Amino acid sequence: MESPKTHTQENEDIETLSDEGCRLLLYNDDVHTFDYVIKALVDICRHTVGQAEQCAIIVHCKGKCVIKNGSYETLLPMHTSLLDKQLTTEIVK
């Protein structure tokens, strides 16, 4: 009898993210509301409402949060759109 394969999609996702090398960070500010930040993350980064809420809470508590991983080319339009909404973001390797 063959043993079942234990290959998981989650491991592939982690490897894919690390291969792309860049992270989009969102920084806390004392200006924007949770609802404003959540809506921006849903609209621009295509987060679910739950993901956006978690990011907003992390940003509030820790001062910053990685909101997206990917290539620089993928993250740049999101970074620019969030800056246009007066949110403070940065792309880092």
N, C-alpha and C. Protein backbone atom coordinates (compact mmCIF):
# COMPACT_ATOMS: atom_id res chain seq x y z
N MET A 1 0.84 -1.18 0.00
CA MET A 1 0.00 0.00 0.00
C MET A 1 0.89 1.25 0.00
N GLU A 2 0.55 2.21 -0.87
CA GLU A 2 1.32 3.45 -0.96
C GLU A 2 0.93 4.40 0.16
N SER A 3 1.91 5.12 0.66
CA SER A 3 1.59 6.11 1.69
C SER A 3 1.09 7.38 1.00
N PRO A 4 0.14 8.08 1.63
CA PRO A 4 -0.40 9.29 1.01
C PRO A 4 0.68 10.38 0.94
N LYS A 5 0.59 11.18 -0.08
CA LYS A 5 1.52 12.29 -0.23
C LYS A 5 1.12 13.40 0.73
N THR A 6 2.12 14.04 1.32
CA THR A 6 1.83 15.08 2.30
C THR A 6 2.15 16.48 1.78
N HIS A 7 2.15 16.62 0.49
CA HIS A 7 2.41 17.92 -0.14
C HIS A 7 1.23 18.85 0.11
N THR A 8 1.53 20.07 0.56
CA THR A 8 0.44 20.99 0.85
C THR A 8 0.58 22.27 0.05
N GLN A 9 -0.53 22.89 -0.27
CA GLN A 9 -0.56 24.16 -0.99
C GLN A 9 0.07 25.26 -0.16
N GLU A 10 -0.10 25.19 1.16
CA GLU A 10 0.43 26.22 2.05
C GLU A 10 1.94 26.35 1.89
N ASN A 11 2.66 25.24 1.81
CA ASN A 11 4.11 25.30 1.63
C ASN A 11 4.48 25.97 0.32
N GLU A 12 3.73 25.69 -0.74
CA GLU A 12 3.99 26.33 -2.02
C GLU A 12 3.77 27.83 -1.93
N ASP A 13 2.72 28.26 -1.24
CA ASP A 13 2.43 29.68 -1.09
C ASP A 13 3.56 30.40 -0.37
N ILE A 14 4.09 29.79 0.68
CA ILE A 14 5.18 30.40 1.44
C ILE A 14 6.42 30.53 0.57
N GLU A 15 6.74 29.49 -0.19
CA GLU A 15 7.90 29.54 -1.07
C GLU A 15 7.72 30.60 -2.15
N THR A 16 6.53 30.69 -2.72
CA THR A 16 6.27 31.69 -3.75
C THR A 16 6.46 33.10 -3.21
N LEU A 17 5.95 33.35 -2.01
CA LEU A 17 6.08 34.68 -1.43
C LEU A 17 7.54 35.02 -1.16
N SER A 18 8.29 34.06 -0.63
CA SER A 18 9.68 34.37 -0.32
C SER A 18 10.50 34.55 -1.58
N ASP A 19 10.13 33.90 -2.68
CA ASP A 19 10.85 34.06 -3.93
C ASP A 19 10.66 35.46 -4.51
N GLU A 20 9.55 36.09 -4.24
CA GLU A 20 9.27 37.39 -4.83
C GLU A 20 9.95 38.52 -4.08
N GLY A 21 10.37 38.31 -2.87
CA GLY A 21 11.32 39.17 -2.21
C GLY A 21 10.94 40.51 -1.62
N CYS A 22 9.85 41.12 -1.94
CA CYS A 22 9.52 42.45 -1.41
C CYS A 22 8.28 42.39 -0.52
N ARG A 23 8.22 43.37 0.39
CA ARG A 23 7.07 43.47 1.29
C ARG A 23 6.56 44.90 1.27
N LEU A 24 5.26 45.03 1.33
CA LEU A 24 4.63 46.35 1.42
C LEU A 24 4.22 46.55 2.88
N LEU A 25 4.80 47.58 3.51
CA LEU A 25 4.52 47.88 4.91
C LEU A 25 3.57 49.06 5.01
N LEU A 26 2.67 48.98 5.97
CA LEU A 26 1.78 50.08 6.31
C LEU A 26 2.14 50.55 7.70
N TYR A 27 2.29 51.86 7.87
CA TYR A 27 2.66 52.44 9.16
C TYR A 27 1.47 53.13 9.82
N ASN A 28 1.49 53.14 11.14
CA ASN A 28 0.43 53.76 11.92
C ASN A 28 0.49 55.29 11.80
N ASP A 29 -0.65 55.91 11.88
CA ASP A 29 -0.74 57.36 12.00
C ASP A 29 -1.90 57.70 12.93
N ASP A 30 -1.96 58.92 13.34
CA ASP A 30 -3.02 59.36 14.25
C ASP A 30 -4.12 60.12 13.52
N VAL A 31 -4.18 59.93 12.20
CA VAL A 31 -5.10 60.72 11.38
C VAL A 31 -6.28 59.89 10.89
N HIS A 32 -6.02 58.72 10.36
CA HIS A 32 -7.07 57.94 9.68
C HIS A 32 -7.78 56.97 10.62
N THR A 33 -9.05 56.77 10.35
CA THR A 33 -9.87 55.85 11.15
C THR A 33 -9.62 54.41 10.72
N PHE A 34 -10.01 53.48 11.59
CA PHE A 34 -9.92 52.06 11.25
C PHE A 34 -10.72 51.79 9.98
N ASP A 35 -11.92 52.32 9.90
CA ASP A 35 -12.78 52.08 8.73
C ASP A 35 -12.13 52.56 7.43
N TYR A 36 -11.46 53.71 7.48
CA TYR A 36 -10.79 54.26 6.30
C TYR A 36 -9.67 53.33 5.85
N VAL A 37 -8.85 52.89 6.80
CA VAL A 37 -7.73 51.99 6.49
C VAL A 37 -8.25 50.66 5.97
N ILE A 38 -9.24 50.11 6.61
CA ILE A 38 -9.81 48.82 6.19
C ILE A 38 -10.34 48.91 4.77
N LYS A 39 -11.09 49.96 4.47
CA LYS A 39 -11.64 50.13 3.12
C LYS A 39 -10.52 50.24 2.09
N ALA A 40 -9.47 50.98 2.41
CA ALA A 40 -8.34 51.12 1.49
C ALA A 40 -7.67 49.78 1.24
N LEU A 41 -7.47 48.98 2.27
CA LEU A 41 -6.83 47.68 2.10
C LEU A 41 -7.69 46.72 1.28
N VAL A 42 -8.99 46.80 1.47
CA VAL A 42 -9.90 45.96 0.69
C VAL A 42 -9.90 46.40 -0.77
N ASP A 43 -10.03 47.70 -0.99
CA ASP A 43 -10.13 48.23 -2.36
C ASP A 43 -8.81 48.11 -3.13
N ILE A 44 -7.71 48.44 -2.50
CA ILE A 44 -6.43 48.53 -3.21
C ILE A 44 -5.64 47.22 -3.18
N CYS A 45 -5.57 46.59 -2.02
CA CYS A 45 -4.75 45.38 -1.87
C CYS A 45 -5.55 44.09 -2.04
N ARG A 46 -6.84 44.24 -2.24
CA ARG A 46 -7.73 43.09 -2.41
C ARG A 46 -7.75 42.16 -1.20
N HIS A 47 -7.63 42.75 -0.01
CA HIS A 47 -7.76 41.97 1.22
C HIS A 47 -9.23 41.65 1.44
N THR A 48 -9.49 40.59 2.18
CA THR A 48 -10.85 40.38 2.67
C THR A 48 -11.05 41.37 3.81
N VAL A 49 -12.27 41.58 4.21
CA VAL A 49 -12.53 42.49 5.33
C VAL A 49 -11.81 41.98 6.58
N GLY A 50 -11.83 40.68 6.81
CA GLY A 50 -11.15 40.10 7.97
C GLY A 50 -9.65 40.35 7.95
N GLN A 51 -9.03 40.15 6.79
CA GLN A 51 -7.59 40.41 6.67
C GLN A 51 -7.28 41.89 6.92
N ALA A 52 -8.08 42.76 6.34
CA ALA A 52 -7.87 44.20 6.49
C ALA A 52 -8.03 44.62 7.95
N GLU A 53 -9.02 44.06 8.64
CA GLU A 53 -9.22 44.38 10.05
C GLU A 53 -8.01 43.95 10.88
N GLN A 54 -7.51 42.75 10.61
CA GLN A 54 -6.34 42.26 11.35
C GLN A 54 -5.13 43.15 11.11
N CYS A 55 -4.90 43.54 9.86
CA CYS A 55 -3.78 44.43 9.55
C CYS A 55 -3.93 45.76 10.27
N ALA A 56 -5.14 46.32 10.27
CA ALA A 56 -5.37 47.60 10.94
C ALA A 56 -5.09 47.51 12.44
N ILE A 57 -5.47 46.42 13.04
CA ILE A 57 -5.22 46.23 14.48
C ILE A 57 -3.73 46.09 14.75
N ILE A 58 -3.03 45.32 13.92
CA ILE A 58 -1.59 45.15 14.09
C ILE A 58 -0.88 46.49 13.93
N VAL A 59 -1.26 47.25 12.91
CA VAL A 59 -0.65 48.57 12.69
C VAL A 59 -0.89 49.46 13.91
N HIS A 60 -2.08 49.44 14.43
CA HIS A 60 -2.42 50.26 15.60
C HIS A 60 -1.58 49.86 16.82
N CYS A 61 -1.43 48.56 17.04
CA CYS A 61 -0.73 48.08 18.24
C CYS A 61 0.79 48.09 18.10
N LYS A 62 1.30 47.75 16.93
CA LYS A 62 2.75 47.60 16.75
C LYS A 62 3.41 48.72 15.97
N GLY A 63 2.62 49.57 15.36
CA GLY A 63 3.18 50.70 14.61
C GLY A 63 3.36 50.45 13.13
N LYS A 64 3.40 49.19 12.73
CA LYS A 64 3.53 48.85 11.31
C LYS A 64 3.10 47.40 11.10
N CYS A 65 2.85 47.07 9.83
CA CYS A 65 2.42 45.71 9.49
C CYS A 65 2.74 45.45 8.02
N VAL A 66 3.20 44.24 7.73
CA VAL A 66 3.35 43.82 6.33
C VAL A 66 1.95 43.54 5.81
N ILE A 67 1.53 44.28 4.79
CA ILE A 67 0.18 44.11 4.27
C ILE A 67 0.15 43.32 2.98
N LYS A 68 1.30 43.17 2.32
CA LYS A 68 1.34 42.41 1.07
C LYS A 68 2.78 42.01 0.79
N ASN A 69 2.95 40.84 0.20
CA ASN A 69 4.24 40.35 -0.27
C ASN A 69 4.16 40.18 -1.77
N GLY A 70 5.28 40.39 -2.45
CA GLY A 70 5.28 40.18 -3.89
C GLY A 70 6.48 40.85 -4.54
N SER A 71 6.44 40.89 -5.84
CA SER A 71 7.51 41.55 -6.58
C SER A 71 7.35 43.06 -6.46
N TYR A 72 8.43 43.77 -6.67
CA TYR A 72 8.40 45.24 -6.62
C TYR A 72 7.37 45.77 -7.62
N GLU A 73 7.36 45.19 -8.81
CA GLU A 73 6.44 45.64 -9.87
C GLU A 73 4.98 45.44 -9.47
N THR A 74 4.69 44.39 -8.72
CA THR A 74 3.32 44.14 -8.27
C THR A 74 2.93 45.09 -7.15
N LEU A 75 3.86 45.36 -6.24
CA LEU A 75 3.56 46.18 -5.06
C LEU A 75 3.54 47.68 -5.34
N LEU A 76 4.28 48.13 -6.35
CA LEU A 76 4.39 49.57 -6.60
C LEU A 76 3.05 50.27 -6.85
N PRO A 77 2.15 49.72 -7.68
CA PRO A 77 0.85 50.40 -7.86
C PRO A 77 0.03 50.48 -6.57
N MET A 78 0.11 49.44 -5.73
CA MET A 78 -0.61 49.45 -4.45
C MET A 78 -0.01 50.52 -3.54
N HIS A 79 1.31 50.56 -3.48
CA HIS A 79 2.03 51.56 -2.68
C HIS A 79 1.61 52.97 -3.10
N THR A 80 1.61 53.23 -4.40
CA THR A 80 1.25 54.55 -4.92
C THR A 80 -0.20 54.90 -4.60
N SER A 81 -1.10 53.94 -4.76
CA SER A 81 -2.52 54.18 -4.46
C SER A 81 -2.75 54.45 -2.98
N LEU A 82 -2.05 53.73 -2.12
CA LEU A 82 -2.19 53.97 -0.68
C LEU A 82 -1.62 55.34 -0.30
N LEU A 83 -0.50 55.72 -0.94
CA LEU A 83 0.05 57.06 -0.70
C LEU A 83 -0.94 58.14 -1.15
N ASP A 84 -1.62 57.90 -2.27
CA ASP A 84 -2.63 58.84 -2.75
C ASP A 84 -3.77 59.02 -1.75
N LYS A 85 -4.00 57.99 -0.93
CA LYS A 85 -5.02 58.07 0.12
C LYS A 85 -4.43 58.59 1.43
N GLN A 86 -3.21 59.13 1.36
CA GLN A 86 -2.52 59.73 2.50
C GLN A 86 -2.12 58.71 3.57
N LEU A 87 -2.04 57.41 3.21
CA LEU A 87 -1.56 56.39 4.12
C LEU A 87 -0.06 56.24 3.92
N THR A 88 0.64 55.96 5.00
CA THR A 88 2.10 55.87 4.95
C THR A 88 2.51 54.42 4.71
N THR A 89 3.13 54.18 3.56
CA THR A 89 3.57 52.83 3.20
C THR A 89 5.00 52.87 2.70
N GLU A 90 5.60 51.69 2.65
CA GLU A 90 6.97 51.55 2.18
C GLU A 90 7.14 50.17 1.59
N ILE A 91 7.89 50.06 0.50
CA ILE A 91 8.25 48.78 -0.06
C ILE A 91 9.66 48.45 0.40
N VAL A 92 9.84 47.29 1.03
CA VAL A 92 11.15 46.86 1.50
C VAL A 92 11.46 45.46 0.98
N LYS A 93 12.78 45.18 0.87
CA LYS A 93 13.21 43.83 0.46
C LYS A 93 13.41 42.97 1.66
